[in-house]
Amino acid sequence: MNAGIVILVAVALAALVLIVAAYLRRRTPDDHVDSFRRQIDALSPQARRPTIGKMNPPEPSPADDDGDDAP
């Protein structure tokens, strides 16, 4: 009975290793290139524009509500 369990665990472990190896082998270098392109696109000025707009509030108008130029 114990030998059967050991064999079953060994077969399951071997199957898991084969599945992981097949998955890693299936990945192509294009996956890395696409990932790099997505990262660069995220750094582009168009992608950063909404964030920069949130960080830099709009400039106040030169005229105050009371018309006085003193701070």
PDB file of N, CA and C in Angstrom:
ATOM      1  N   MET A   1       0.829  -1.196   0.000  1.00  0.00           N
ATOM      2  CA  MET A   1       0.000   0.000   0.000  1.00  0.00           C
ATOM      3  C   MET A   1       0.869   1.254   0.000  1.00  0.00           C
ATOM      4  N   ASN A   2       1.919   1.274   0.827  1.00  0.00           N
ATOM      5  CA  ASN A   2       2.788   2.445   0.874  1.00  0.00           C
ATOM      6  C   ASN A   2       3.540   2.637  -0.437  1.00  0.00           C
ATOM      7  N   ALA A   3       3.942   1.554  -1.075  1.00  0.00           N
ATOM      8  CA  ALA A   3       4.648   1.648  -2.354  1.00  0.00           C
ATOM      9  C   ALA A   3       3.731   2.237  -3.422  1.00  0.00           C
ATOM     10  N   GLY A   4       2.465   1.919  -3.376  1.00  0.00           N
ATOM     11  CA  GLY A   4       1.499   2.463  -4.337  1.00  0.00           C
ATOM     12  C   GLY A   4       1.354   3.968  -4.185  1.00  0.00           C
ATOM     13  N   ILE A   5       1.325   4.437  -2.951  1.00  0.00           N
ATOM     14  CA  ILE A   5       1.202   5.877  -2.702  1.00  0.00           C
ATOM     15  C   ILE A   5       2.458   6.595  -3.189  1.00  0.00           C
ATOM     16  N   VAL A   6       3.616   6.020  -2.932  1.00  0.00           N
ATOM     17  CA  VAL A   6       4.875   6.627  -3.365  1.00  0.00           C
ATOM     18  C   VAL A   6       4.920   6.718  -4.895  1.00  0.00           C
ATOM     19  N   ILE A   7       4.496   5.668  -5.563  1.00  0.00           N
ATOM     20  CA  ILE A   7       4.483   5.665  -7.027  1.00  0.00           C
ATOM     21  C   ILE A   7       3.489   6.697  -7.550  1.00  0.00           C
ATOM     22  N   LEU A   8       2.327   6.797  -6.920  1.00  0.00           N
ATOM     23  CA  LEU A   8       1.315   7.769  -7.328  1.00  0.00           C
ATOM     24  C   LEU A   8       1.833   9.193  -7.163  1.00  0.00           C
ATOM     25  N   VAL A   9       2.492   9.477  -6.060  1.00  0.00           N
ATOM     26  CA  VAL A   9       3.046  10.811  -5.824  1.00  0.00           C
ATOM     27  C   VAL A   9       4.144  11.107  -6.844  1.00  0.00           C
ATOM     28  N   ALA A  10       4.981  10.129  -7.145  1.00  0.00           N
ATOM     29  CA  ALA A  10       6.059  10.324  -8.121  1.00  0.00           C
ATOM     30  C   ALA A  10       5.493  10.608  -9.511  1.00  0.00           C
ATOM     31  N   VAL A  11       4.453   9.882  -9.897  1.00  0.00           N
ATOM     32  CA  VAL A  11       3.835  10.102 -11.205  1.00  0.00           C
ATOM     33  C   VAL A  11       3.184  11.484 -11.249  1.00  0.00           C
ATOM     34  N   ALA A  12       2.509  11.886 -10.188  1.00  0.00           N
ATOM     35  CA  ALA A  12       1.873  13.206 -10.139  1.00  0.00           C
ATOM     36  C   ALA A  12       2.922  14.310 -10.215  1.00  0.00           C
ATOM     37  N   LEU A  13       4.022  14.141  -9.522  1.00  0.00           N
ATOM     38  CA  LEU A  13       5.103  15.128  -9.542  1.00  0.00           C
ATOM     39  C   LEU A  13       5.718  15.215 -10.939  1.00  0.00           C
ATOM     40  N   ALA A  14       5.926  14.082 -11.577  1.00  0.00           N
ATOM     41  CA  ALA A  14       6.476  14.079 -12.929  1.00  0.00           C
ATOM     42  C   ALA A  14       5.525  14.762 -13.901  1.00  0.00           C
ATOM     43  N   ALA A  15       4.243  14.518 -13.756  1.00  0.00           N
ATOM     44  CA  ALA A  15       3.251  15.159 -14.627  1.00  0.00           C
ATOM     45  C   ALA A  15       3.262  16.670 -14.424  1.00  0.00           C
ATOM     46  N   LEU A  16       3.372  17.106 -13.190  1.00  0.00           N
ATOM     47  CA  LEU A  16       3.420  18.537 -12.889  1.00  0.00           C
ATOM     48  C   LEU A  16       4.656  19.177 -13.514  1.00  0.00           C
ATOM     49  N   VAL A  17       5.788  18.517 -13.416  1.00  0.00           N
ATOM     50  CA  VAL A  17       7.022  19.034 -14.012  1.00  0.00           C
ATOM     51  C   VAL A  17       6.875  19.140 -15.525  1.00  0.00           C
ATOM     52  N   LEU A  18       6.266  18.146 -16.149  1.00  0.00           N
ATOM     53  CA  LEU A  18       6.070  18.180 -17.601  1.00  0.00           C
ATOM     54  C   LEU A  18       5.130  19.307 -18.021  1.00  0.00           C
ATOM     55  N   ILE A  19       4.094  19.530 -17.256  1.00  0.00           N
ATOM     56  CA  ILE A  19       3.153  20.607 -17.571  1.00  0.00           C
ATOM     57  C   ILE A  19       3.837  21.968 -17.460  1.00  0.00           C
ATOM     58  N   VAL A  20       4.601  22.177 -16.398  1.00  0.00           N
ATOM     59  CA  VAL A  20       5.303  23.450 -16.220  1.00  0.00           C
ATOM     60  C   VAL A  20       6.336  23.637 -17.335  1.00  0.00           C
ATOM     61  N   ALA A  21       7.075  22.579 -17.679  1.00  0.00           N
ATOM     62  CA  ALA A  21       8.075  22.675 -18.742  1.00  0.00           C
ATOM     63  C   ALA A  21       7.418  22.999 -20.080  1.00  0.00           C
ATOM     64  N   ALA A  22       6.287  22.407 -20.368  1.00  0.00           N
ATOM     65  CA  ALA A  22       5.578  22.677 -21.618  1.00  0.00           C
ATOM     66  C   ALA A  22       5.095  24.123 -21.657  1.00  0.00           C
ATOM     67  N   TYR A  23       4.623  24.622 -20.556  1.00  0.00           N
ATOM     68  CA  TYR A  23       4.158  26.008 -20.493  1.00  0.00           C
ATOM     69  C   TYR A  23       5.318  26.972 -20.718  1.00  0.00           C
ATOM     70  N   LEU A  24       6.443  26.723 -20.061  1.00  0.00           N
ATOM     71  CA  LEU A  24       7.582  27.615 -20.208  1.00  0.00           C
ATOM     72  C   LEU A  24       8.176  27.540 -21.607  1.00  0.00           C
ATOM     73  N   ARG A  25       8.139  26.402 -22.214  1.00  0.00           N
ATOM     74  CA  ARG A  25       8.679  26.245 -23.563  1.00  0.00           C
ATOM     75  C   ARG A  25       7.765  26.918 -24.587  1.00  0.00           C
ATOM     76  N   ARG A  26       6.485  26.942 -24.308  1.00  0.00           N
ATOM     77  CA  ARG A  26       5.521  27.523 -25.234  1.00  0.00           C
ATOM     78  C   ARG A  26       5.657  29.035 -25.325  1.00  0.00           C
ATOM     79  N   ARG A  27       6.143  29.664 -24.258  1.00  0.00           N
ATOM     80  CA  ARG A  27       6.308  31.112 -24.277  1.00  0.00           C
ATOM     81  C   ARG A  27       7.339  31.493 -25.325  1.00  0.00           C
ATOM     82  N   THR A  28       7.054  32.545 -26.050  1.00  0.00           N
ATOM     83  CA  THR A  28       7.950  32.983 -27.106  1.00  0.00           C
ATOM     84  C   THR A  28       8.626  34.287 -26.705  1.00  0.00           C
ATOM     85  N   PRO A  29       9.728  34.635 -27.365  1.00  0.00           N
ATOM     86  CA  PRO A  29      10.372  35.916 -27.073  1.00  0.00           C
ATOM     87  C   PRO A  29       9.456  37.101 -27.344  1.00  0.00           C
ATOM     88  N   ASP A  30       8.463  36.930 -28.218  1.00  0.00           N
ATOM     89  CA  ASP A  30       7.530  38.022 -28.497  1.00  0.00           C
ATOM     90  C   ASP A  30       6.782  38.443 -27.238  1.00  0.00           C
ATOM     91  N   ASP A  31       6.556  37.503 -26.314  1.00  0.00           N
ATOM     92  CA  ASP A  31       5.887  37.857 -25.068  1.00  0.00           C
ATOM     93  C   ASP A  31       6.686  38.915 -24.316  1.00  0.00           C
ATOM     94  N   HIS A  32       7.989  38.776 -24.324  1.00  0.00           N
ATOM     95  CA  HIS A  32       8.837  39.743 -23.635  1.00  0.00           C
ATOM     96  C   HIS A  32       8.847  41.083 -24.366  1.00  0.00           C
ATOM     97  N   VAL A  33       8.831  41.030 -25.694  1.00  0.00           N
ATOM     98  CA  VAL A  33       8.813  42.257 -26.480  1.00  0.00           C
ATOM     99  C   VAL A  33       7.499  42.988 -26.259  1.00  0.00           C
ATOM    100  N   ASP A  34       6.398  42.269 -26.250  1.00  0.00           N
ATOM    101  CA  ASP A  34       5.100  42.899 -25.999  1.00  0.00           C
ATOM    102  C   ASP A  34       5.043  43.515 -24.612  1.00  0.00           C
ATOM    103  N   SER A  35       5.591  42.827 -23.642  1.00  0.00           N
ATOM    104  CA  SER A  35       5.622  43.360 -22.282  1.00  0.00           C
ATOM    105  C   SER A  35       6.437  44.646 -22.237  1.00  0.00           C
ATOM    106  N   PHE A  36       7.578  44.651 -22.904  1.00  0.00           N
ATOM    107  CA  PHE A  36       8.422  45.841 -22.940  1.00  0.00           C
ATOM    108  C   PHE A  36       7.695  46.996 -23.613  1.00  0.00           C
ATOM    109  N   ARG A  37       7.006  46.705 -24.710  1.00  0.00           N
ATOM    110  CA  ARG A  37       6.263  47.758 -25.408  1.00  0.00           C
ATOM    111  C   ARG A  37       5.151  48.339 -24.542  1.00  0.00           C
ATOM    112  N   ARG A  38       4.471  47.482 -23.802  1.00  0.00           N
ATOM    113  CA  ARG A  38       3.414  47.986 -22.908  1.00  0.00           C
ATOM    114  C   ARG A  38       4.012  48.890 -21.832  1.00  0.00           C
ATOM    115  N   GLN A  39       5.172  48.524 -21.313  1.00  0.00           N
ATOM    116  CA  GLN A  39       5.811  49.353 -20.290  1.00  0.00           C
ATOM    117  C   GLN A  39       6.238  50.697 -20.866  1.00  0.00           C
ATOM    118  N   ILE A  40       6.798  50.694 -22.062  1.00  0.00           N
ATOM    119  CA  ILE A  40       7.206  51.944 -22.700  1.00  0.00           C
ATOM    120  C   ILE A  40       5.987  52.804 -23.020  1.00  0.00           C
ATOM    121  N   ASP A  41       4.915  52.188 -23.493  1.00  0.00           N
ATOM    122  CA  ASP A  41       3.698  52.939 -23.777  1.00  0.00           C
ATOM    123  C   ASP A  41       3.145  53.587 -22.512  1.00  0.00           C
ATOM    124  N   ALA A  42       3.288  52.901 -21.386  1.00  0.00           N
ATOM    125  CA  ALA A  42       2.805  53.468 -20.127  1.00  0.00           C
ATOM    126  C   ALA A  42       3.636  54.676 -19.709  1.00  0.00           C
ATOM    127  N   LEU A  43       4.865  54.765 -20.186  1.00  0.00           N
ATOM    128  CA  LEU A  43       5.737  55.891 -19.851  1.00  0.00           C
ATOM    129  C   LEU A  43       5.638  57.030 -20.854  1.00  0.00           C
ATOM    130  N   SER A  44       4.860  56.869 -21.899  1.00  0.00           N
ATOM    131  CA  SER A  44       4.774  57.889 -22.940  1.00  0.00           C
ATOM    132  C   SER A  44       4.116  59.155 -22.396  1.00  0.00           C
ATOM    133  N   PRO A  45       4.400  60.299 -23.011  1.00  0.00           N
ATOM    134  CA  PRO A  45       3.802  61.562 -22.542  1.00  0.00           C
ATOM    135  C   PRO A  45       2.277  61.539 -22.559  1.00  0.00           C
ATOM    136  N   GLN A  46       1.688  60.866 -23.551  1.00  0.00           N
ATOM    137  CA  GLN A  46       0.222  60.815 -23.609  1.00  0.00           C
ATOM    138  C   GLN A  46      -0.336  60.038 -22.427  1.00  0.00           C
ATOM    139  N   ALA A  47       0.360  58.993 -21.991  1.00  0.00           N
ATOM    140  CA  ALA A  47      -0.121  58.210 -20.862  1.00  0.00           C
ATOM    141  C   ALA A  47       0.072  58.961 -19.553  1.00  0.00           C
ATOM    142  N   ARG A  48       1.101  59.804 -19.486  1.00  0.00           N
ATOM    143  CA  ARG A  48       1.374  60.524 -18.244  1.00  0.00           C
ATOM    144  C   ARG A  48       0.560  61.797 -18.117  1.00  0.00           C
ATOM    145  N   ARG A  49       0.004  62.282 -19.198  1.00  0.00           N
ATOM    146  CA  ARG A  49      -0.684  63.575 -19.185  1.00  0.00           C
ATOM    147  C   ARG A  49      -1.779  63.670 -18.119  1.00  0.00           C
ATOM    148  N   PRO A  50      -2.689  62.687 -17.956  1.00  0.00           N
ATOM    149  CA  PRO A  50      -3.704  62.811 -16.902  1.00  0.00           C
ATOM    150  C   PRO A  50      -3.089  62.866 -15.507  1.00  0.00           C
ATOM    151  N   THR A  51      -2.013  62.134 -15.278  1.00  0.00           N
ATOM    152  CA  THR A  51      -1.370  62.145 -13.964  1.00  0.00           C
ATOM    153  C   THR A  51      -0.711  63.486 -13.701  1.00  0.00           C
ATOM    154  N   ILE A  52      -0.041  64.015 -14.707  1.00  0.00           N
ATOM    155  CA  ILE A  52       0.613  65.316 -14.544  1.00  0.00           C
ATOM    156  C   ILE A  52      -0.434  66.389 -14.303  1.00  0.00           C
ATOM    157  N   GLY A  53      -1.578  66.290 -14.980  1.00  0.00           N
ATOM    158  CA  GLY A  53      -2.647  67.256 -14.772  1.00  0.00           C
ATOM    159  C   GLY A  53      -3.182  67.229 -13.349  1.00  0.00           C
ATOM    160  N   LYS A  54      -3.199  66.066 -12.728  1.00  0.00           N
ATOM    161  CA  LYS A  54      -3.653  65.963 -11.338  1.00  0.00           C
ATOM    162  C   LYS A  54      -2.610  66.529 -10.379  1.00  0.00           C
ATOM    163  N   MET A  55      -1.332  66.366 -10.725  1.00  0.00           N
ATOM    164  CA  MET A  55      -0.266  66.833  -9.840  1.00  0.00           C
ATOM    165  C   MET A  55      -0.083  68.343  -9.925  1.00  0.00           C
ATOM    166  N   ASN A  56      -0.259  68.926 -11.095  1.00  0.00           N
ATOM    167  CA  ASN A  56      -0.101  70.369 -11.275  1.00  0.00           C
ATOM    168  C   ASN A  56      -1.478  71.010 -11.362  1.00  0.00           C
ATOM    169  N   PRO A  57      -1.956  71.606 -10.297  1.00  0.00           N
ATOM    170  CA  PRO A  57      -3.273  72.242 -10.370  1.00  0.00           C
ATOM    171  C   PRO A  57      -3.215  73.429 -11.329  1.00  0.00           C
ATOM    172  N   PRO A  58      -4.347  73.820 -11.886  1.00  0.00           N
ATOM    173  CA  PRO A  58      -4.352  74.948 -12.818  1.00  0.00           C
ATOM    174  C   PRO A  58      -3.878  76.225 -12.127  1.00  0.00           C
ATOM    175  N   GLU A  59      -3.230  77.067 -12.910  1.00  0.00           N
ATOM    176  CA  GLU A  59      -2.749  78.343 -12.381  1.00  0.00           C
ATOM    177  C   GLU A  59      -3.930  79.229 -12.008  1.00  0.00           C
ATOM    178  N   PRO A  60      -3.826  79.943 -10.878  1.00  0.00           N
ATOM    179  CA  PRO A  60      -4.929  80.853 -10.519  1.00  0.00           C
ATOM    180  C   PRO A  60      -4.968  82.025 -11.499  1.00  0.00           C
ATOM    181  N   SER A  61      -6.143  82.561 -11.682  1.00  0.00           N
ATOM    182  CA  SER A  61      -6.286  83.692 -12.593  1.00  0.00           C
ATOM    183  C   SER A  61      -5.580  84.907 -12.003  1.00  0.00           C
ATOM    184  N   PRO A  62      -5.042  85.787 -12.838  1.00  0.00           N
ATOM    185  CA  PRO A  62      -4.292  86.934 -12.323  1.00  0.00           C
ATOM    186  C   PRO A  62      -5.149  87.897 -11.508  1.00  0.00           C
ATOM    187  N   ALA A  63      -6.417  87.974 -11.772  1.00  0.00           N
ATOM    188  CA  ALA A  63      -7.273  88.893 -11.028  1.00  0.00           C
ATOM    189  C   ALA A  63      -7.928  88.151  -9.871  1.00  0.00           C
ATOM    190  N   ASP A  64      -7.830  88.708  -8.671  1.00  0.00           N
ATOM    191  CA  ASP A  64      -8.511  88.133  -7.508  1.00  0.00           C
ATOM    192  C   ASP A  64      -9.980  88.513  -7.536  1.00  0.00           C
ATOM    193  N   ASP A  65     -10.731  87.926  -6.633  1.00  0.00           N
ATOM    194  CA  ASP A  65     -12.154  88.218  -6.580  1.00  0.00           C
ATOM    195  C   ASP A  65     -12.433  89.661  -6.171  1.00  0.00           C
ATOM    196  N   ASP A  66     -11.583  90.215  -5.296  1.00  0.00           N
ATOM    197  CA  ASP A  66     -11.821  91.588  -4.818  1.00  0.00           C
ATOM    198  C   ASP A  66     -11.158  92.634  -5.678  1.00  0.00           C
ATOM    199  N   GLY A  67     -10.376  92.241  -6.688  1.00  0.00           N
ATOM    200  CA  GLY A  67      -9.756  93.208  -7.591  1.00  0.00           C
ATOM    201  C   GLY A  67      -8.448  93.757  -7.066  1.00  0.00           C
ATOM    202  N   ASP A  68      -8.038  93.396  -5.871  1.00  0.00           N
ATOM    203  CA  ASP A  68      -6.792  93.883  -5.277  1.00  0.00           C
ATOM    204  C   ASP A  68      -5.662  92.965  -5.711  1.00  0.00           C
ATOM    205  N   ASP A  69      -4.543  93.535  -6.165  1.00  0.00           N
ATOM    206  CA  ASP A  69      -3.406  92.746  -6.623  1.00  0.00           C
ATOM    207  C   ASP A  69      -2.489  92.336  -5.478  1.00  0.00           C
ATOM    208  N   ALA A  70      -2.710  92.826  -4.285  1.00  0.00           N
ATOM    209  CA  ALA A  70      -1.863  92.478  -3.136  1.00  0.00           C
ATOM    210  C   ALA A  70      -2.168  91.055  -2.681  1.00  0.00           C
ATOM    211  N   PRO A  71      -1.126  90.348  -2.251  1.00  0.00           N
ATOM    212  CA  PRO A  71      -1.376  88.960  -1.784  1.00  0.00           C
ATOM    213  C   PRO A  71      -2.117  88.872  -0.483  1.00  0.00           C
TER     214      PRO A  71
END
